[in-house]
């Protein structure tokens, strides 16, 4: 997991996915979406975790809602969304939150 949390306020897009059995082409598309996503205006960073069953939790940080809306409508991202629904995911959920405050602790 990469920790790249920005300073509040910011938006967090929280995506939870459960893979299907047909994952052909998924890894390449995932890499492409990460590459494209990082280049989008308003992108601030991301964190992700995958459990032993292959379920993913991804949190992508954005400066504002307009950036999230623009990324959701990007033509290549629209195709990835379609393929995710048609082939790669047995389920997914997306939550969008505005982060007003954040704090953490680390003994490191």
N, C-alpha and C. Protein backbone atom coordinates (compact mmCIF):
# COMPACT_ATOMS: atom_id res chain seq x y z
N UNK A 1 0.85 -1.18 0.00
CA UNK A 1 0.00 0.00 0.00
C UNK A 1 0.89 1.23 0.00
N UNK A 2 0.56 2.16 -0.85
CA UNK A 2 1.28 3.42 -0.92
C UNK A 2 0.48 4.48 -0.20
N UNK A 3 1.10 5.18 0.73
CA UNK A 3 0.41 6.23 1.46
C UNK A 3 0.72 7.57 0.82
N UNK A 4 -0.30 8.20 0.28
CA UNK A 4 -0.12 9.46 -0.44
C UNK A 4 -1.22 10.46 -0.07
N UNK A 5 -1.68 10.42 1.15
CA UNK A 5 -2.81 11.26 1.51
C UNK A 5 -2.46 12.74 1.44
N UNK A 6 -3.30 13.51 0.76
CA UNK A 6 -3.10 14.96 0.67
C UNK A 6 -3.59 15.65 1.94
N UNK A 7 -3.37 16.92 2.01
CA UNK A 7 -3.88 17.73 3.12
C UNK A 7 -5.34 18.08 2.84
N UNK A 8 -6.22 17.97 3.84
CA UNK A 8 -7.63 18.33 3.66
C UNK A 8 -7.78 19.82 3.39
N UNK A 9 -8.90 20.20 2.77
CA UNK A 9 -9.95 19.32 2.29
C UNK A 9 -9.61 18.72 0.93
N UNK A 10 -10.16 17.54 0.69
CA UNK A 10 -10.02 16.84 -0.58
C UNK A 10 -11.14 15.83 -0.69
N UNK A 11 -11.24 15.19 -1.83
CA UNK A 11 -12.25 14.17 -2.05
C UNK A 11 -11.58 12.81 -2.15
N UNK A 12 -12.28 11.80 -1.66
CA UNK A 12 -11.80 10.42 -1.74
C UNK A 12 -12.85 9.59 -2.47
N UNK A 13 -12.42 8.90 -3.52
CA UNK A 13 -13.28 7.95 -4.23
C UNK A 13 -12.86 6.57 -3.74
N UNK A 14 -13.77 5.88 -3.07
CA UNK A 14 -13.49 4.59 -2.44
C UNK A 14 -14.15 3.52 -3.30
N UNK A 15 -13.33 2.65 -3.88
CA UNK A 15 -13.82 1.62 -4.80
C UNK A 15 -13.50 0.25 -4.22
N UNK A 16 -14.53 -0.57 -4.05
CA UNK A 16 -14.36 -1.93 -3.59
C UNK A 16 -14.83 -2.86 -4.71
N UNK A 17 -13.97 -3.79 -5.10
CA UNK A 17 -14.33 -4.70 -6.20
C UNK A 17 -14.12 -6.15 -5.78
N UNK A 18 -14.97 -7.00 -6.31
CA UNK A 18 -14.84 -8.44 -6.16
C UNK A 18 -14.68 -9.01 -7.58
N UNK A 19 -13.57 -9.69 -7.85
CA UNK A 19 -13.31 -10.16 -9.22
C UNK A 19 -14.24 -11.30 -9.63
N UNK A 20 -14.44 -11.39 -10.93
CA UNK A 20 -15.15 -12.54 -11.50
C UNK A 20 -14.12 -13.60 -11.83
N UNK A 21 -14.52 -14.61 -12.55
CA UNK A 21 -13.57 -15.66 -12.95
C UNK A 21 -12.90 -15.33 -14.28
N UNK A 22 -13.41 -14.37 -15.03
CA UNK A 22 -12.84 -13.98 -16.32
C UNK A 22 -12.03 -12.71 -16.16
N UNK A 23 -10.73 -12.85 -15.95
CA UNK A 23 -9.87 -11.69 -15.73
C UNK A 23 -8.92 -11.43 -16.89
N UNK A 24 -9.18 -12.05 -18.05
CA UNK A 24 -8.33 -11.82 -19.21
C UNK A 24 -8.32 -10.34 -19.58
N UNK A 25 -7.14 -9.76 -19.64
CA UNK A 25 -6.97 -8.37 -20.01
C UNK A 25 -7.11 -7.40 -18.85
N UNK A 26 -7.49 -7.89 -17.67
CA UNK A 26 -7.74 -7.00 -16.54
C UNK A 26 -6.47 -6.31 -16.05
N UNK A 27 -5.39 -7.03 -15.88
CA UNK A 27 -4.15 -6.44 -15.35
C UNK A 27 -3.65 -5.31 -16.24
N UNK A 28 -3.67 -5.53 -17.54
CA UNK A 28 -3.21 -4.49 -18.48
C UNK A 28 -4.12 -3.26 -18.42
N UNK A 29 -5.43 -3.49 -18.35
CA UNK A 29 -6.36 -2.36 -18.28
C UNK A 29 -6.20 -1.62 -16.96
N UNK A 30 -5.98 -2.35 -15.89
CA UNK A 30 -5.79 -1.73 -14.58
C UNK A 30 -4.56 -0.81 -14.58
N UNK A 31 -3.48 -1.31 -15.17
CA UNK A 31 -2.26 -0.48 -15.28
C UNK A 31 -2.52 0.76 -16.12
N UNK A 32 -3.24 0.60 -17.22
CA UNK A 32 -3.54 1.73 -18.10
C UNK A 32 -4.41 2.76 -17.39
N UNK A 33 -5.40 2.30 -16.65
CA UNK A 33 -6.28 3.23 -15.94
C UNK A 33 -5.51 3.98 -14.86
N UNK A 34 -4.59 3.30 -14.17
CA UNK A 34 -3.78 3.98 -13.17
C UNK A 34 -2.91 5.05 -13.82
N UNK A 35 -2.32 4.71 -14.95
CA UNK A 35 -1.47 5.66 -15.69
C UNK A 35 -2.28 6.87 -16.16
N UNK A 36 -3.42 6.61 -16.78
CA UNK A 36 -4.28 7.71 -17.26
C UNK A 36 -4.83 8.54 -16.11
N UNK A 37 -5.26 7.84 -15.06
CA UNK A 37 -5.84 8.51 -13.92
C UNK A 37 -4.88 9.48 -13.26
N UNK A 38 -3.62 9.08 -13.15
CA UNK A 38 -2.61 9.94 -12.53
C UNK A 38 -2.38 11.22 -13.33
N UNK A 39 -2.66 11.18 -14.62
CA UNK A 39 -2.45 12.34 -15.49
C UNK A 39 -3.64 13.30 -15.50
N UNK A 40 -4.74 12.92 -14.84
CA UNK A 40 -5.95 13.74 -14.87
C UNK A 40 -5.82 14.97 -13.97
N UNK A 41 -6.30 16.12 -14.43
CA UNK A 41 -6.31 17.32 -13.57
C UNK A 41 -7.07 17.02 -12.28
N UNK A 42 -6.53 17.47 -11.16
CA UNK A 42 -7.18 17.29 -9.87
C UNK A 42 -6.81 16.01 -9.15
N UNK A 43 -6.10 15.09 -9.82
CA UNK A 43 -5.67 13.85 -9.19
C UNK A 43 -4.62 14.16 -8.12
N UNK A 44 -4.77 13.59 -6.92
CA UNK A 44 -3.85 13.85 -5.83
C UNK A 44 -3.10 12.61 -5.34
N UNK A 45 -3.56 11.41 -5.70
CA UNK A 45 -2.88 10.20 -5.26
C UNK A 45 -3.85 9.05 -5.07
N UNK A 46 -3.29 7.90 -4.65
CA UNK A 46 -4.13 6.72 -4.45
C UNK A 46 -3.48 5.76 -3.47
N UNK A 47 -4.31 4.92 -2.89
CA UNK A 47 -3.87 3.84 -2.03
C UNK A 47 -4.70 2.62 -2.40
N UNK A 48 -4.13 1.43 -2.25
CA UNK A 48 -4.90 0.23 -2.57
C UNK A 48 -4.44 -0.96 -1.75
N UNK A 49 -5.36 -1.88 -1.55
CA UNK A 49 -5.11 -3.14 -0.85
C UNK A 49 -5.85 -4.25 -1.59
N UNK A 50 -5.27 -5.44 -1.60
CA UNK A 50 -5.93 -6.62 -2.16
C UNK A 50 -5.88 -7.71 -1.11
N UNK A 51 -7.03 -8.37 -0.84
CA UNK A 51 -7.02 -9.43 0.16
C UNK A 51 -6.72 -10.78 -0.49
N UNK A 52 -6.69 -11.81 0.32
CA UNK A 52 -6.31 -13.15 -0.17
C UNK A 52 -7.31 -13.73 -1.16
N UNK A 53 -8.53 -13.21 -1.18
CA UNK A 53 -9.55 -13.66 -2.14
C UNK A 53 -9.55 -12.85 -3.42
N UNK A 54 -8.64 -11.87 -3.53
CA UNK A 54 -8.55 -11.05 -4.73
C UNK A 54 -9.41 -9.81 -4.70
N UNK A 55 -10.13 -9.59 -3.62
CA UNK A 55 -10.95 -8.37 -3.52
C UNK A 55 -10.03 -7.17 -3.34
N UNK A 56 -10.37 -6.09 -4.04
CA UNK A 56 -9.57 -4.87 -4.00
C UNK A 56 -10.31 -3.75 -3.29
N UNK A 57 -9.54 -2.95 -2.58
CA UNK A 57 -10.03 -1.70 -2.02
C UNK A 57 -9.07 -0.63 -2.52
N UNK A 58 -9.59 0.33 -3.27
CA UNK A 58 -8.79 1.40 -3.83
C UNK A 58 -9.39 2.72 -3.38
N UNK A 59 -8.55 3.61 -2.90
CA UNK A 59 -8.98 4.96 -2.54
C UNK A 59 -8.17 5.92 -3.41
N UNK A 60 -8.88 6.71 -4.20
CA UNK A 60 -8.24 7.67 -5.10
C UNK A 60 -8.61 9.06 -4.62
N UNK A 61 -7.61 9.92 -4.49
CA UNK A 61 -7.80 11.25 -3.94
C UNK A 61 -7.84 12.29 -5.06
N UNK A 62 -8.81 13.22 -4.94
CA UNK A 62 -8.97 14.29 -5.92
C UNK A 62 -9.14 15.63 -5.22
N UNK A 63 -8.81 16.68 -5.92
CA UNK A 63 -8.92 18.03 -5.38
C UNK A 63 -10.37 18.49 -5.28
N UNK A 64 -11.22 18.03 -6.22
CA UNK A 64 -12.59 18.55 -6.26
C UNK A 64 -13.51 17.58 -7.00
N UNK A 65 -14.81 17.83 -6.89
CA UNK A 65 -15.80 16.98 -7.55
C UNK A 65 -15.72 17.05 -9.07
N UNK A 66 -15.39 18.22 -9.61
CA UNK A 66 -15.29 18.37 -11.07
C UNK A 66 -14.24 17.42 -11.64
N UNK A 67 -13.15 17.23 -10.93
CA UNK A 67 -12.10 16.30 -11.38
C UNK A 67 -12.60 14.87 -11.41
N UNK A 68 -13.39 14.50 -10.42
CA UNK A 68 -13.96 13.14 -10.36
C UNK A 68 -14.92 12.94 -11.53
N UNK A 69 -15.77 13.92 -11.77
CA UNK A 69 -16.74 13.85 -12.86
C UNK A 69 -16.04 13.74 -14.22
N UNK A 70 -15.00 14.51 -14.41
CA UNK A 70 -14.25 14.47 -15.68
C UNK A 70 -13.59 13.12 -15.88
N UNK A 71 -13.01 12.55 -14.84
CA UNK A 71 -12.36 11.25 -14.96
C UNK A 71 -13.41 10.16 -15.25
N UNK A 72 -14.54 10.21 -14.60
CA UNK A 72 -15.57 9.20 -14.83
C UNK A 72 -16.03 9.20 -16.29
N UNK A 73 -15.99 10.37 -16.94
CA UNK A 73 -16.44 10.50 -18.33
C UNK A 73 -15.33 10.33 -19.36
N UNK A 74 -14.10 10.09 -18.95
CA UNK A 74 -12.99 9.91 -19.90
C UNK A 74 -13.30 8.70 -20.79
N UNK A 75 -13.14 8.80 -22.12
CA UNK A 75 -13.53 7.73 -23.03
C UNK A 75 -12.87 6.37 -22.71
N UNK A 76 -11.60 6.33 -22.44
CA UNK A 76 -10.96 5.04 -22.12
C UNK A 76 -11.45 4.50 -20.78
N UNK A 77 -11.72 5.40 -19.84
CA UNK A 77 -12.23 4.97 -18.55
C UNK A 77 -13.66 4.43 -18.69
N UNK A 78 -14.46 5.04 -19.55
CA UNK A 78 -15.81 4.52 -19.82
C UNK A 78 -15.75 3.09 -20.35
N UNK A 79 -14.79 2.82 -21.25
CA UNK A 79 -14.64 1.46 -21.78
C UNK A 79 -14.20 0.50 -20.68
N UNK A 80 -13.29 0.92 -19.83
CA UNK A 80 -12.85 0.07 -18.71
C UNK A 80 -14.02 -0.21 -17.77
N UNK A 81 -14.85 0.79 -17.52
CA UNK A 81 -16.03 0.59 -16.67
C UNK A 81 -16.97 -0.45 -17.29
N UNK A 82 -17.18 -0.34 -18.58
CA UNK A 82 -18.06 -1.29 -19.27
C UNK A 82 -17.52 -2.71 -19.16
N UNK A 83 -16.21 -2.87 -19.43
CA UNK A 83 -15.59 -4.19 -19.35
C UNK A 83 -15.62 -4.73 -17.92
N UNK A 84 -15.46 -3.85 -16.95
CA UNK A 84 -15.55 -4.27 -15.55
C UNK A 84 -16.92 -4.87 -15.25
N UNK A 85 -17.97 -4.18 -15.67
CA UNK A 85 -19.33 -4.69 -15.44
C UNK A 85 -19.60 -5.96 -16.25
N UNK A 86 -19.14 -5.99 -17.51
CA UNK A 86 -19.44 -7.12 -18.39
C UNK A 86 -18.60 -8.36 -18.10
N UNK A 87 -17.34 -8.19 -17.63
CA UNK A 87 -16.44 -9.34 -17.54
C UNK A 87 -15.69 -9.49 -16.23
N UNK A 88 -15.08 -8.42 -15.73
CA UNK A 88 -14.06 -8.56 -14.70
C UNK A 88 -14.55 -8.56 -13.27
N UNK A 89 -15.70 -7.98 -13.00
CA UNK A 89 -16.17 -7.89 -11.62
C UNK A 89 -17.44 -8.69 -11.41
N UNK A 90 -17.48 -9.41 -10.30
CA UNK A 90 -18.75 -10.01 -9.91
C UNK A 90 -19.56 -8.98 -9.12
N UNK A 91 -18.87 -8.01 -8.52
CA UNK A 91 -19.54 -6.88 -7.87
C UNK A 91 -18.54 -5.76 -7.64
N UNK A 92 -19.09 -4.55 -7.48
CA UNK A 92 -18.25 -3.42 -7.08
C UNK A 92 -19.13 -2.38 -6.40
N UNK A 93 -18.49 -1.53 -5.63
CA UNK A 93 -19.19 -0.38 -5.06
C UNK A 93 -18.25 0.81 -5.13
N UNK A 94 -18.85 1.99 -5.26
CA UNK A 94 -18.10 3.24 -5.32
C UNK A 94 -18.73 4.21 -4.34
N UNK A 95 -17.90 4.81 -3.51
CA UNK A 95 -18.35 5.83 -2.57
C UNK A 95 -17.47 7.06 -2.77
N UNK A 96 -18.08 8.22 -2.69
CA UNK A 96 -17.34 9.48 -2.85
C UNK A 96 -17.56 10.31 -1.60
N UNK A 97 -16.45 10.73 -1.00
CA UNK A 97 -16.53 11.46 0.25
C UNK A 97 -15.64 12.70 0.21
N UNK A 98 -16.08 13.75 0.86
CA UNK A 98 -15.25 14.94 1.04
C UNK A 98 -14.59 14.80 2.41
N UNK A 99 -13.29 14.89 2.44
CA UNK A 99 -12.53 14.77 3.68
C UNK A 99 -12.24 16.18 4.19
N UNK A 100 -12.77 16.48 5.35
CA UNK A 100 -12.60 17.80 5.96
C UNK A 100 -11.41 17.83 6.91
N UNK A 101 -11.20 16.73 7.62
CA UNK A 101 -10.09 16.63 8.58
C UNK A 101 -9.48 15.25 8.45
N UNK A 102 -8.20 15.16 8.74
CA UNK A 102 -7.51 13.87 8.73
C UNK A 102 -6.34 13.95 9.71
N UNK A 103 -6.10 12.85 10.38
CA UNK A 103 -4.93 12.80 11.25
C UNK A 103 -4.46 11.36 11.32
N UNK A 104 -3.23 11.15 11.76
CA UNK A 104 -2.69 9.81 11.81
C UNK A 104 -1.61 9.72 12.88
N UNK A 105 -1.17 8.52 13.14
CA UNK A 105 -0.09 8.23 14.07
C UNK A 105 0.79 7.18 13.44
N UNK A 106 2.09 7.32 13.63
CA UNK A 106 3.02 6.30 13.17
C UNK A 106 4.20 6.27 14.11
N UNK A 107 4.55 5.11 14.58
CA UNK A 107 5.69 4.96 15.46
C UNK A 107 7.00 5.02 14.68
N UNK A 108 6.93 4.88 13.38
CA UNK A 108 8.14 4.87 12.54
C UNK A 108 8.96 6.10 12.69
